[in-house]
N, C-alpha and C. Protein backbone atom coordinates (compact mmCIF):
# COMPACT_ATOMS: atom_id res chain seq x y z
N MET A 1 0.85 -1.18 -0.02
CA MET A 1 0.01 0.02 0.00
C MET A 1 0.90 1.28 0.00
N ASN A 2 0.61 2.19 -0.85
CA ASN A 2 1.33 3.43 -0.90
C ASN A 2 0.55 4.52 -0.21
N PHE A 3 1.27 5.37 0.53
CA PHE A 3 0.63 6.45 1.24
C PHE A 3 1.12 7.75 0.66
N ALA A 4 0.24 8.72 0.49
CA ALA A 4 0.63 10.02 -0.06
C ALA A 4 1.37 10.87 0.93
N CYS A 5 1.07 10.68 2.22
CA CYS A 5 1.72 11.46 3.29
C CYS A 5 2.15 10.58 4.43
N CYS A 6 3.05 11.14 5.18
CA CYS A 6 3.51 10.45 6.41
C CYS A 6 3.66 11.50 7.51
N LYS A 7 3.81 11.05 8.72
CA LYS A 7 3.96 11.94 9.86
C LYS A 7 5.36 11.78 10.44
N LEU A 8 6.03 12.87 10.68
CA LEU A 8 7.33 12.86 11.33
C LEU A 8 7.12 13.37 12.78
N GLU A 9 7.88 12.79 13.69
CA GLU A 9 7.97 13.29 15.06
C GLU A 9 9.42 13.74 15.24
N ILE A 10 9.57 14.94 15.74
CA ILE A 10 10.91 15.53 15.89
C ILE A 10 10.99 16.02 17.33
N PHE A 11 12.06 15.61 18.02
CA PHE A 11 12.29 16.05 19.41
C PHE A 11 13.39 17.11 19.35
N ILE A 12 13.10 18.28 19.92
CA ILE A 12 13.98 19.42 19.78
C ILE A 12 13.84 20.32 20.99
N PRO A 13 14.91 21.06 21.39
CA PRO A 13 14.78 22.01 22.46
C PRO A 13 13.76 23.10 22.06
N GLU A 14 13.00 23.61 23.06
CA GLU A 14 12.00 24.64 22.78
C GLU A 14 12.65 25.87 22.11
N THR A 15 13.86 26.14 22.44
CA THR A 15 14.60 27.29 21.89
C THR A 15 14.71 27.24 20.36
N HIS A 16 14.54 26.09 19.76
CA HIS A 16 14.76 25.95 18.35
C HIS A 16 13.47 25.76 17.54
N LEU A 17 12.30 25.94 18.22
CA LEU A 17 10.99 25.76 17.52
C LEU A 17 10.85 26.68 16.33
N ALA A 18 11.13 27.94 16.49
CA ALA A 18 10.90 28.90 15.39
C ALA A 18 11.76 28.58 14.16
N VAL A 19 13.03 28.22 14.36
CA VAL A 19 13.89 27.93 13.27
C VAL A 19 13.44 26.60 12.61
N LEU A 20 12.95 25.65 13.39
CA LEU A 20 12.41 24.43 12.82
C LEU A 20 11.15 24.71 11.99
N GLN A 21 10.24 25.51 12.51
CA GLN A 21 9.06 25.89 11.77
C GLN A 21 9.44 26.50 10.40
N LYS A 22 10.38 27.38 10.39
CA LYS A 22 10.84 27.99 9.13
C LYS A 22 11.37 26.94 8.16
N ALA A 23 12.23 26.06 8.68
CA ALA A 23 12.81 25.00 7.82
C ALA A 23 11.71 24.11 7.24
N LEU A 24 10.73 23.74 8.06
CA LEU A 24 9.66 22.92 7.59
C LEU A 24 8.81 23.60 6.52
N ARG A 25 8.55 24.89 6.77
CA ARG A 25 7.78 25.67 5.77
C ARG A 25 8.52 25.74 4.43
N GLU A 26 9.81 25.90 4.47
CA GLU A 26 10.60 26.02 3.23
C GLU A 26 10.60 24.76 2.38
N VAL A 27 10.29 23.61 2.98
CA VAL A 27 10.22 22.34 2.19
C VAL A 27 8.75 21.85 2.07
N ASP A 28 7.80 22.77 2.44
CA ASP A 28 6.36 22.55 2.29
C ASP A 28 5.85 21.42 3.19
N ALA A 29 6.58 21.06 4.26
CA ALA A 29 6.03 20.12 5.23
C ALA A 29 4.91 20.82 5.99
N GLY A 30 3.90 20.06 6.40
CA GLY A 30 2.79 20.66 7.12
C GLY A 30 1.74 21.29 6.21
N HIS A 31 1.79 20.95 4.93
CA HIS A 31 0.82 21.50 3.99
C HIS A 31 -0.32 20.47 3.86
N ILE A 32 -1.50 20.91 4.32
CA ILE A 32 -2.66 20.02 4.35
C ILE A 32 -3.81 20.76 3.69
N GLY A 33 -4.17 20.27 2.48
CA GLY A 33 -5.21 20.92 1.74
C GLY A 33 -4.89 22.35 1.39
N ARG A 34 -5.77 23.27 1.79
CA ARG A 34 -5.55 24.69 1.54
C ARG A 34 -4.89 25.39 2.75
N TYR A 35 -4.21 24.65 3.61
CA TYR A 35 -3.49 25.22 4.77
C TYR A 35 -2.08 24.78 4.68
N ASP A 36 -1.18 25.66 5.14
CA ASP A 36 0.21 25.27 5.29
C ASP A 36 0.68 25.62 6.69
N CYS A 37 1.94 25.27 6.97
CA CYS A 37 2.53 25.55 8.28
C CYS A 37 1.80 24.80 9.40
N CYS A 38 1.14 23.65 9.07
CA CYS A 38 0.44 22.89 10.07
C CYS A 38 1.38 21.96 10.80
N LEU A 39 1.37 22.05 12.13
CA LEU A 39 2.12 21.14 12.94
C LEU A 39 1.55 21.20 14.34
N SER A 40 1.93 20.26 15.15
CA SER A 40 1.55 20.33 16.53
C SER A 40 2.79 20.03 17.37
N TYR A 41 2.81 20.53 18.61
CA TYR A 41 3.91 20.21 19.47
C TYR A 41 3.42 20.10 20.92
N SER A 42 4.15 19.30 21.67
CA SER A 42 3.82 19.11 23.09
C SER A 42 5.13 19.01 23.85
N ARG A 43 5.06 19.44 25.08
CA ARG A 43 6.24 19.39 25.97
C ARG A 43 6.37 17.96 26.51
N VAL A 44 7.60 17.49 26.47
CA VAL A 44 7.98 16.17 26.93
C VAL A 44 9.28 16.26 27.68
N ILE A 45 9.63 15.16 28.37
CA ILE A 45 10.94 15.09 28.98
C ILE A 45 11.70 13.99 28.22
N GLY A 46 12.85 14.37 27.65
CA GLY A 46 13.68 13.39 26.92
C GLY A 46 14.79 12.86 27.86
N CYS A 47 15.16 11.63 27.64
CA CYS A 47 16.25 10.99 28.38
C CYS A 47 17.24 10.41 27.44
N TRP A 48 18.51 10.47 27.78
CA TRP A 48 19.58 9.90 26.95
C TRP A 48 20.86 9.84 27.74
N ARG A 49 21.80 9.00 27.22
CA ARG A 49 23.14 8.91 27.81
C ARG A 49 24.15 9.01 26.69
N PRO A 50 24.92 10.07 26.63
CA PRO A 50 25.97 10.21 25.61
C PRO A 50 27.07 9.18 25.83
N LEU A 51 27.44 8.45 24.82
CA LEU A 51 28.47 7.47 24.95
C LEU A 51 29.81 8.05 24.55
N GLU A 52 30.85 7.25 24.76
CA GLU A 52 32.25 7.70 24.48
C GLU A 52 32.35 8.17 23.04
N GLY A 53 33.02 9.26 22.80
CA GLY A 53 33.26 9.79 21.47
C GLY A 53 32.16 10.75 21.01
N THR A 54 31.20 11.08 21.87
CA THR A 54 30.14 12.00 21.49
C THR A 54 30.49 13.41 21.93
N THR A 55 29.83 14.38 21.33
CA THR A 55 29.88 15.76 21.78
C THR A 55 28.47 16.24 21.93
N PRO A 56 27.85 15.90 23.06
CA PRO A 56 26.44 16.21 23.24
C PRO A 56 26.16 17.73 23.37
N TYR A 57 24.98 18.07 22.81
CA TYR A 57 24.46 19.41 22.96
C TYR A 57 24.16 19.71 24.41
N LEU A 58 23.56 18.75 25.09
CA LEU A 58 23.27 18.79 26.52
C LEU A 58 23.70 17.49 27.15
N GLY A 59 24.15 17.53 28.39
CA GLY A 59 24.55 16.36 29.11
C GLY A 59 26.03 16.07 29.02
N SER A 60 26.45 15.03 29.70
CA SER A 60 27.86 14.66 29.76
C SER A 60 28.03 13.19 29.40
N GLN A 61 29.16 12.85 28.80
CA GLN A 61 29.42 11.46 28.44
C GLN A 61 29.25 10.55 29.65
N GLY A 62 28.61 9.42 29.45
CA GLY A 62 28.48 8.40 30.45
C GLY A 62 27.41 8.67 31.48
N GLU A 63 26.76 9.83 31.45
CA GLU A 63 25.77 10.18 32.46
C GLU A 63 24.35 10.27 31.81
N ILE A 64 23.38 9.63 32.49
CA ILE A 64 21.99 9.77 31.92
C ILE A 64 21.49 11.17 32.18
N SER A 65 20.99 11.78 31.13
CA SER A 65 20.41 13.13 31.21
C SER A 65 18.91 13.04 30.95
N SER A 66 18.21 13.97 31.56
CA SER A 66 16.81 14.17 31.19
C SER A 66 16.55 15.66 31.23
N GLU A 67 15.91 16.11 30.15
CA GLU A 67 15.72 17.56 29.93
C GLU A 67 14.34 17.76 29.27
N PRO A 68 13.75 18.92 29.47
CA PRO A 68 12.52 19.25 28.75
C PRO A 68 12.82 19.43 27.25
N GLU A 69 11.94 18.96 26.42
CA GLU A 69 12.04 19.09 24.97
C GLU A 69 10.64 19.33 24.41
N LEU A 70 10.57 19.61 23.14
CA LEU A 70 9.28 19.61 22.44
C LEU A 70 9.26 18.41 21.49
N LYS A 71 8.11 17.76 21.45
CA LYS A 71 7.89 16.75 20.39
C LYS A 71 7.01 17.44 19.36
N VAL A 72 7.59 17.63 18.19
CA VAL A 72 6.93 18.33 17.10
C VAL A 72 6.44 17.24 16.14
N GLU A 73 5.17 17.31 15.77
CA GLU A 73 4.58 16.36 14.83
C GLU A 73 4.12 17.13 13.56
N VAL A 74 4.56 16.66 12.40
CA VAL A 74 4.26 17.30 11.14
C VAL A 74 4.04 16.27 10.06
N THR A 75 3.14 16.55 9.14
CA THR A 75 2.97 15.68 8.00
C THR A 75 3.76 16.23 6.81
N CYS A 76 4.14 15.32 5.97
CA CYS A 76 4.77 15.73 4.71
C CYS A 76 4.44 14.68 3.64
N LYS A 77 4.57 15.12 2.41
CA LYS A 77 4.35 14.14 1.34
C LYS A 77 5.44 13.10 1.39
N THR A 78 5.03 11.83 1.19
CA THR A 78 6.01 10.74 1.23
C THR A 78 7.16 10.98 0.32
N GLU A 79 6.91 11.55 -0.85
CA GLU A 79 7.99 11.80 -1.82
C GLU A 79 8.96 12.88 -1.32
N ASN A 80 8.58 13.66 -0.29
CA ASN A 80 9.42 14.71 0.23
C ASN A 80 10.09 14.38 1.56
N VAL A 81 9.96 13.11 2.03
CA VAL A 81 10.52 12.73 3.30
C VAL A 81 12.02 13.04 3.38
N ASP A 82 12.77 12.65 2.40
CA ASP A 82 14.25 12.85 2.46
C ASP A 82 14.58 14.35 2.57
N CYS A 83 14.00 15.20 1.75
CA CYS A 83 14.36 16.61 1.83
C CYS A 83 13.84 17.23 3.11
N THR A 84 12.75 16.72 3.67
CA THR A 84 12.25 17.24 4.95
C THR A 84 13.18 16.85 6.08
N VAL A 85 13.64 15.61 6.10
CA VAL A 85 14.60 15.17 7.12
C VAL A 85 15.89 15.97 6.98
N ASP A 86 16.37 16.23 5.76
CA ASP A 86 17.57 16.99 5.58
C ASP A 86 17.39 18.42 6.12
N ALA A 87 16.20 18.99 5.89
CA ALA A 87 15.95 20.35 6.40
C ALA A 87 15.91 20.40 7.94
N VAL A 88 15.36 19.36 8.51
CA VAL A 88 15.36 19.28 10.01
C VAL A 88 16.81 19.18 10.51
N LYS A 89 17.61 18.29 9.95
CA LYS A 89 18.97 18.11 10.41
C LYS A 89 19.79 19.37 10.23
N ALA A 90 19.49 20.17 9.22
CA ALA A 90 20.24 21.40 9.00
C ALA A 90 20.09 22.45 10.11
N VAL A 91 18.95 22.37 10.84
CA VAL A 91 18.68 23.36 11.88
C VAL A 91 18.68 22.78 13.29
N HIS A 92 18.80 21.45 13.36
CA HIS A 92 18.70 20.75 14.67
C HIS A 92 20.03 20.86 15.43
N PRO A 93 20.01 21.18 16.72
CA PRO A 93 21.24 21.38 17.43
C PRO A 93 21.91 20.08 17.93
N TYR A 94 21.14 18.98 17.92
CA TYR A 94 21.69 17.73 18.48
C TYR A 94 22.67 17.06 17.51
N GLU A 95 23.66 16.42 18.06
CA GLU A 95 24.62 15.68 17.25
C GLU A 95 23.93 14.53 16.50
N GLU A 96 22.93 13.92 17.17
CA GLU A 96 22.09 12.86 16.59
C GLU A 96 20.65 13.33 16.64
N PRO A 97 20.13 14.07 15.70
CA PRO A 97 18.74 14.55 15.76
C PRO A 97 17.77 13.37 15.93
N VAL A 98 16.78 13.61 16.76
CA VAL A 98 15.77 12.56 17.00
C VAL A 98 14.58 12.88 16.12
N ILE A 99 14.47 12.07 15.06
CA ILE A 99 13.38 12.26 14.07
C ILE A 99 12.70 10.94 13.87
């Protein structure tokens, strides 16, 4: 079965929401019918442990971190998934963006 659209979930610091919205708009993610810039977000607590060889945006190697983040949900055309993910990665502050 082929789907015309898919949903991405992106975890990002709240400080980066505006730049993420702009990047998504530039690749037409969140375009639903005659509306664009459609997305939702909710506050969550993210947990992670940076391993050896990492340079974490937040936290320290070997220590479990938990910080407030936003979970952003956006739809995009299936054919645009790759360029949408690339746009997210271009503005995401994490060494390993969570998408």
